[in-house]
């Protein structure tokens, strides 16, 4: 997964404006207590970030 796809998925589920705020403010345990932005900056693969987001938002299996 590329970063553009990650942002597209976040936008789909949270809305374009809120997804950016959410990515900067919500700390995810599955990302070692980092936000999405921090995880991206640390080089965490986008697929791993999406899995953490997917779990946090309790999205259906079809969205994984």
PDB file of N, CA and C in Angstrom:
ATOM      1  N   UNK A   1       0.836  -1.167   0.000  1.00  0.00           N
ATOM      2  CA  UNK A   1       0.000   0.000   0.000  1.00  0.00           C
ATOM      3  C   UNK A   1       0.890   1.243   0.000  1.00  0.00           C
ATOM      4  N   UNK A   2       0.501   2.201  -0.794  1.00  0.00           N
ATOM      5  CA  UNK A   2       1.228   3.470  -0.841  1.00  0.00           C
ATOM      6  C   UNK A   2       0.575   4.485   0.089  1.00  0.00           C
ATOM      7  N   UNK A   3       1.324   5.524   0.407  1.00  0.00           N
ATOM      8  CA  UNK A   3       0.817   6.545   1.320  1.00  0.00           C
ATOM      9  C   UNK A   3      -0.453   7.204   0.771  1.00  0.00           C
ATOM     10  N   UNK A   4      -0.514   7.413  -0.536  1.00  0.00           N
ATOM     11  CA  UNK A   4      -1.706   8.022  -1.135  1.00  0.00           C
ATOM     12  C   UNK A   4      -2.946   7.168  -0.883  1.00  0.00           C
ATOM     13  N   UNK A   5      -2.800   5.847  -0.967  1.00  0.00           N
ATOM     14  CA  UNK A   5      -3.933   4.960  -0.707  1.00  0.00           C
ATOM     15  C   UNK A   5      -4.331   5.008   0.769  1.00  0.00           C
ATOM     16  N   UNK A   6      -3.356   5.093   1.647  1.00  0.00           N
ATOM     17  CA  UNK A   6      -3.646   5.215   3.073  1.00  0.00           C
ATOM     18  C   UNK A   6      -4.493   6.460   3.325  1.00  0.00           C
ATOM     19  N   UNK A   7      -4.087   7.600   2.767  1.00  0.00           N
ATOM     20  CA  UNK A   7      -4.841   8.837   2.958  1.00  0.00           C
ATOM     21  C   UNK A   7      -6.231   8.743   2.331  1.00  0.00           C
ATOM     22  N   UNK A   8      -6.324   8.088   1.203  1.00  0.00           N
ATOM     23  CA  UNK A   8      -7.624   7.922   0.553  1.00  0.00           C
ATOM     24  C   UNK A   8      -8.566   7.126   1.451  1.00  0.00           C
ATOM     25  N   UNK A   9      -8.062   6.065   2.034  1.00  0.00           N
ATOM     26  CA  UNK A   9      -8.886   5.247   2.931  1.00  0.00           C
ATOM     27  C   UNK A   9      -9.287   6.034   4.178  1.00  0.00           C
ATOM     28  N   UNK A  10      -8.350   6.782   4.737  1.00  0.00           N
ATOM     29  CA  UNK A  10      -8.674   7.613   5.893  1.00  0.00           C
ATOM     30  C   UNK A  10      -9.751   8.643   5.530  1.00  0.00           C
ATOM     31  N   UNK A  11      -9.598   9.268   4.378  1.00  0.00           N
ATOM     32  CA  UNK A  11     -10.590  10.245   3.922  1.00  0.00           C
ATOM     33  C   UNK A  11     -11.963   9.609   3.752  1.00  0.00           C
ATOM     34  N   UNK A  12     -12.003   8.406   3.233  1.00  0.00           N
ATOM     35  CA  UNK A  12     -13.264   7.701   3.015  1.00  0.00           C
ATOM     36  C   UNK A  12     -13.990   7.458   4.329  1.00  0.00           C
ATOM     37  N   UNK A  13     -13.259   7.080   5.347  1.00  0.00           N
ATOM     38  CA  UNK A  13     -13.884   6.695   6.609  1.00  0.00           C
ATOM     39  C   UNK A  13     -14.051   7.844   7.605  1.00  0.00           C
ATOM     40  N   UNK A  14     -13.236   8.873   7.480  1.00  0.00           N
ATOM     41  CA  UNK A  14     -13.292   9.962   8.451  1.00  0.00           C
ATOM     42  C   UNK A  14     -13.653  11.313   7.841  1.00  0.00           C
ATOM     43  N   UNK A  15     -13.625  11.405   6.524  1.00  0.00           N
ATOM     44  CA  UNK A  15     -13.818  12.699   5.866  1.00  0.00           C
ATOM     45  C   UNK A  15     -12.474  13.349   5.622  1.00  0.00           C
ATOM     46  N   UNK A  16     -12.365  14.085   4.526  1.00  0.00           N
ATOM     47  CA  UNK A  16     -11.074  14.650   4.116  1.00  0.00           C
ATOM     48  C   UNK A  16     -10.474  15.596   5.151  1.00  0.00           C
ATOM     49  N   UNK A  17     -11.276  16.455   5.736  1.00  0.00           N
ATOM     50  CA  UNK A  17     -10.743  17.423   6.693  1.00  0.00           C
ATOM     51  C   UNK A  17     -10.408  16.751   8.028  1.00  0.00           C
ATOM     52  N   UNK A  18     -11.309  15.939   8.532  1.00  0.00           N
ATOM     53  CA  UNK A  18     -11.103  15.329   9.849  1.00  0.00           C
ATOM     54  C   UNK A  18      -9.989  14.283   9.837  1.00  0.00           C
ATOM     55  N   UNK A  19      -9.792  13.610   8.727  1.00  0.00           N
ATOM     56  CA  UNK A  19      -8.764  12.559   8.687  1.00  0.00           C
ATOM     57  C   UNK A  19      -7.377  13.125   8.986  1.00  0.00           C
ATOM     58  N   UNK A  20      -7.109  14.351   8.548  1.00  0.00           N
ATOM     59  CA  UNK A  20      -5.806  14.975   8.804  1.00  0.00           C
ATOM     60  C   UNK A  20      -5.649  15.290  10.294  1.00  0.00           C
ATOM     61  N   UNK A  21      -6.694  15.800  10.905  1.00  0.00           N
ATOM     62  CA  UNK A  21      -6.671  16.107  12.337  1.00  0.00           C
ATOM     63  C   UNK A  21      -6.515  14.816  13.136  1.00  0.00           C
ATOM     64  N   UNK A  22      -7.297  13.817  12.780  1.00  0.00           N
ATOM     65  CA  UNK A  22      -7.265  12.521  13.458  1.00  0.00           C
ATOM     66  C   UNK A  22      -5.869  11.923  13.376  1.00  0.00           C
ATOM     67  N   UNK A  23      -5.256  12.005  12.203  1.00  0.00           N
ATOM     68  CA  UNK A  23      -3.923  11.426  11.988  1.00  0.00           C
ATOM     69  C   UNK A  23      -2.849  12.120  12.816  1.00  0.00           C
ATOM     70  N   UNK A  24      -3.093  13.350  13.222  1.00  0.00           N
ATOM     71  CA  UNK A  24      -2.120  14.094  14.017  1.00  0.00           C
ATOM     72  C   UNK A  24      -2.377  14.002  15.521  1.00  0.00           C
ATOM     73  N   UNK A  25      -3.604  13.652  15.918  1.00  0.00           N
ATOM     74  CA  UNK A  25      -3.943  13.728  17.332  1.00  0.00           C
ATOM     75  C   UNK A  25      -4.210  12.394  18.016  1.00  0.00           C
ATOM     76  N   UNK A  26      -4.626  11.391  17.277  1.00  0.00           N
ATOM     77  CA  UNK A  26      -4.997  10.129  17.895  1.00  0.00           C
ATOM     78  C   UNK A  26      -3.777   9.210  17.989  1.00  0.00           C
ATOM     79  N   UNK A  27      -3.449   8.823  19.189  1.00  0.00           N
ATOM     80  CA  UNK A  27      -2.312   7.932  19.445  1.00  0.00           C
ATOM     81  C   UNK A  27      -2.829   6.493  19.419  1.00  0.00           C
ATOM     82  N   UNK A  28      -2.157   5.656  18.647  1.00  0.00           N
ATOM     83  CA  UNK A  28      -2.581   4.271  18.478  1.00  0.00           C
ATOM     84  C   UNK A  28      -1.604   3.323  19.170  1.00  0.00           C
ATOM     85  N   UNK A  29      -2.128   2.499  20.048  1.00  0.00           N
ATOM     86  CA  UNK A  29      -1.295   1.532  20.767  1.00  0.00           C
ATOM     87  C   UNK A  29      -0.599   0.577  19.806  1.00  0.00           C
ATOM     88  N   UNK A  30      -1.302   0.187  18.739  1.00  0.00           N
ATOM     89  CA  UNK A  30      -0.724  -0.747  17.765  1.00  0.00           C
ATOM     90  C   UNK A  30       0.434  -0.145  16.976  1.00  0.00           C
ATOM     91  N   UNK A  31       0.606   1.161  17.076  1.00  0.00           N
ATOM     92  CA  UNK A  31       1.736   1.832  16.409  1.00  0.00           C
ATOM     93  C   UNK A  31       2.771   2.283  17.449  1.00  0.00           C
ATOM     94  N   UNK A  32       2.874   1.527  18.521  1.00  0.00           N
ATOM     95  CA  UNK A  32       3.817   1.844  19.601  1.00  0.00           C
ATOM     96  C   UNK A  32       3.568   3.244  20.159  1.00  0.00           C
ATOM     97  N   UNK A  33       2.299   3.539  20.398  1.00  0.00           N
ATOM     98  CA  UNK A  33       1.879   4.817  20.996  1.00  0.00           C
ATOM     99  C   UNK A  33       2.259   6.014  20.130  1.00  0.00           C
ATOM    100  N   UNK A  34       2.130   5.849  18.817  1.00  0.00           N
ATOM    101  CA  UNK A  34       2.386   6.954  17.880  1.00  0.00           C
ATOM    102  C   UNK A  34       1.101   7.306  17.155  1.00  0.00           C
ATOM    103  N   UNK A  35       1.078   8.508  16.610  1.00  0.00           N
ATOM    104  CA  UNK A  35      -0.015   8.901  15.729  1.00  0.00           C
ATOM    105  C   UNK A  35       0.298   8.377  14.321  1.00  0.00           C
ATOM    106  N   UNK A  36      -0.655   8.496  13.431  1.00  0.00           N
ATOM    107  CA  UNK A  36      -0.424   8.098  12.035  1.00  0.00           C
ATOM    108  C   UNK A  36       0.721   8.917  11.458  1.00  0.00           C
ATOM    109  N   UNK A  37       0.712  10.214  11.690  1.00  0.00           N
ATOM    110  CA  UNK A  37       1.782  11.082  11.160  1.00  0.00           C
ATOM    111  C   UNK A  37       3.148  10.674  11.715  1.00  0.00           C
ATOM    112  N   UNK A  38       3.215  10.407  13.000  1.00  0.00           N
ATOM    113  CA  UNK A  38       4.483  10.000  13.609  1.00  0.00           C
ATOM    114  C   UNK A  38       4.951   8.662  13.054  1.00  0.00           C
ATOM    115  N   UNK A  39       4.014   7.750  12.852  1.00  0.00           N
ATOM    116  CA  UNK A  39       4.367   6.440  12.304  1.00  0.00           C
ATOM    117  C   UNK A  39       4.892   6.579  10.871  1.00  0.00           C
ATOM    118  N   UNK A  40       4.254   7.422  10.086  1.00  0.00           N
ATOM    119  CA  UNK A  40       4.741   7.661   8.724  1.00  0.00           C
ATOM    120  C   UNK A  40       6.156   8.232   8.749  1.00  0.00           C
ATOM    121  N   UNK A  41       6.379   9.206   9.608  1.00  0.00           N
ATOM    122  CA  UNK A  41       7.700   9.833   9.719  1.00  0.00           C
ATOM    123  C   UNK A  41       8.756   8.836  10.191  1.00  0.00           C
ATOM    124  N   UNK A  42       8.345   7.851  10.984  1.00  0.00           N
ATOM    125  CA  UNK A  42       9.276   6.850  11.506  1.00  0.00           C
ATOM    126  C   UNK A  42       9.527   5.717  10.508  1.00  0.00           C
ATOM    127  N   UNK A  43       8.825   5.761   9.377  1.00  0.00           N
ATOM    128  CA  UNK A  43       9.044   4.742   8.355  1.00  0.00           C
ATOM    129  C   UNK A  43       8.234   3.469   8.520  1.00  0.00           C
ATOM    130  N   UNK A  44       7.204   3.524   9.345  1.00  0.00           N
ATOM    131  CA  UNK A  44       6.328   2.351   9.502  1.00  0.00           C
ATOM    132  C   UNK A  44       5.602   2.133   8.173  1.00  0.00           C
ATOM    133  N   UNK A  45       5.555   0.904   7.685  1.00  0.00           N
ATOM    134  CA  UNK A  45       4.877   0.640   6.410  1.00  0.00           C
ATOM    135  C   UNK A  45       3.392   1.041   6.472  1.00  0.00           C
ATOM    136  N   UNK A  46       2.917   1.608   5.389  1.00  0.00           N
ATOM    137  CA  UNK A  46       1.530   2.078   5.322  1.00  0.00           C
ATOM    138  C   UNK A  46       0.539   0.953   5.601  1.00  0.00           C
ATOM    139  N   UNK A  47       0.849  -0.240   5.179  1.00  0.00           N
ATOM    140  CA  UNK A  47      -0.047  -1.373   5.422  1.00  0.00           C
ATOM    141  C   UNK A  47      -0.202  -1.627   6.922  1.00  0.00           C
ATOM    142  N   UNK A  48       0.881  -1.525   7.665  1.00  0.00           N
ATOM    143  CA  UNK A  48       0.831  -1.709   9.119  1.00  0.00           C
ATOM    144  C   UNK A  48       0.055  -0.574   9.777  1.00  0.00           C
ATOM    145  N   UNK A  49       0.229   0.636   9.273  1.00  0.00           N
ATOM    146  CA  UNK A  49      -0.516   1.778   9.797  1.00  0.00           C
ATOM    147  C   UNK A  49      -2.000   1.581   9.545  1.00  0.00           C
ATOM    148  N   UNK A  50      -2.350   1.153   8.325  1.00  0.00           N
ATOM    149  CA  UNK A  50      -3.767   0.940   8.025  1.00  0.00           C
ATOM    150  C   UNK A  50      -4.373  -0.124   8.932  1.00  0.00           C
ATOM    151  N   UNK A  51      -3.654  -1.191   9.189  1.00  0.00           N
ATOM    152  CA  UNK A  51      -4.180  -2.236  10.081  1.00  0.00           C
ATOM    153  C   UNK A  51      -4.458  -1.677  11.476  1.00  0.00           C
ATOM    154  N   UNK A  52      -3.589  -0.810  11.956  1.00  0.00           N
ATOM    155  CA  UNK A  52      -3.806  -0.188  13.265  1.00  0.00           C
ATOM    156  C   UNK A  52      -5.020   0.738  13.235  1.00  0.00           C
ATOM    157  N   UNK A  53      -5.144   1.509  12.167  1.00  0.00           N
ATOM    158  CA  UNK A  53      -6.301   2.400  12.001  1.00  0.00           C
ATOM    159  C   UNK A  53      -7.575   1.574  11.909  1.00  0.00           C
ATOM    160  N   UNK A  54      -7.548   0.532  11.102  1.00  0.00           N
ATOM    161  CA  UNK A  54      -8.695  -0.355  10.901  1.00  0.00           C
ATOM    162  C   UNK A  54      -9.180  -0.911  12.250  1.00  0.00           C
ATOM    163  N   UNK A  55      -8.249  -1.338  13.069  1.00  0.00           N
ATOM    164  CA  UNK A  55      -8.606  -1.884  14.375  1.00  0.00           C
ATOM    165  C   UNK A  55      -9.165  -0.795  15.292  1.00  0.00           C
ATOM    166  N   UNK A  56      -8.524   0.364  15.299  1.00  0.00           N
ATOM    167  CA  UNK A  56      -8.965   1.467  16.161  1.00  0.00           C
ATOM    168  C   UNK A  56     -10.382   1.915  15.805  1.00  0.00           C
ATOM    169  N   UNK A  57     -10.675   1.991  14.517  1.00  0.00           N
ATOM    170  CA  UNK A  57     -11.992   2.454  14.073  1.00  0.00           C
ATOM    171  C   UNK A  57     -13.038   1.336  14.071  1.00  0.00           C
ATOM    172  N   UNK A  58     -12.587   0.121  14.364  1.00  0.00           N
ATOM    173  CA  UNK A  58     -13.478  -1.044  14.386  1.00  0.00           C
ATOM    174  C   UNK A  58     -14.252  -1.176  13.075  1.00  0.00           C
ATOM    175  N   UNK A  59     -13.501  -1.097  11.980  1.00  0.00           N
ATOM    176  CA  UNK A  59     -14.089  -1.213  10.651  1.00  0.00           C
ATOM    177  C   UNK A  59     -14.370  -2.677  10.327  1.00  0.00           C
ATOM    178  N   UNK A  60     -15.293  -2.926   9.381  1.00  0.00           N
ATOM    179  CA  UNK A  60     -15.592  -4.302   9.018  1.00  0.00           C
ATOM    180  C   UNK A  60     -14.396  -4.988   8.348  1.00  0.00           C
ATOM    181  N   UNK A  61     -14.398  -6.292   8.419  1.00  0.00           N
ATOM    182  CA  UNK A  61     -13.311  -7.095   7.834  1.00  0.00           C
ATOM    183  C   UNK A  61     -13.127  -6.766   6.355  1.00  0.00           C
ATOM    184  N   UNK A  62     -14.201  -6.448   5.668  1.00  0.00           N
ATOM    185  CA  UNK A  62     -14.121  -6.142   4.236  1.00  0.00           C
ATOM    186  C   UNK A  62     -13.267  -4.902   3.950  1.00  0.00           C
ATOM    187  N   UNK A  63     -13.034  -4.072   4.942  1.00  0.00           N
ATOM    188  CA  UNK A  63     -12.230  -2.857   4.764  1.00  0.00           C
ATOM    189  C   UNK A  63     -10.753  -3.064   5.095  1.00  0.00           C
ATOM    190  N   UNK A  64     -10.413  -4.240   5.517  1.00  0.00           N
ATOM    191  CA  UNK A  64      -9.034  -4.510   5.908  1.00  0.00           C
ATOM    192  C   UNK A  64      -8.176  -4.559   4.695  1.00  0.00           C
TER     193      UNK A  64
END
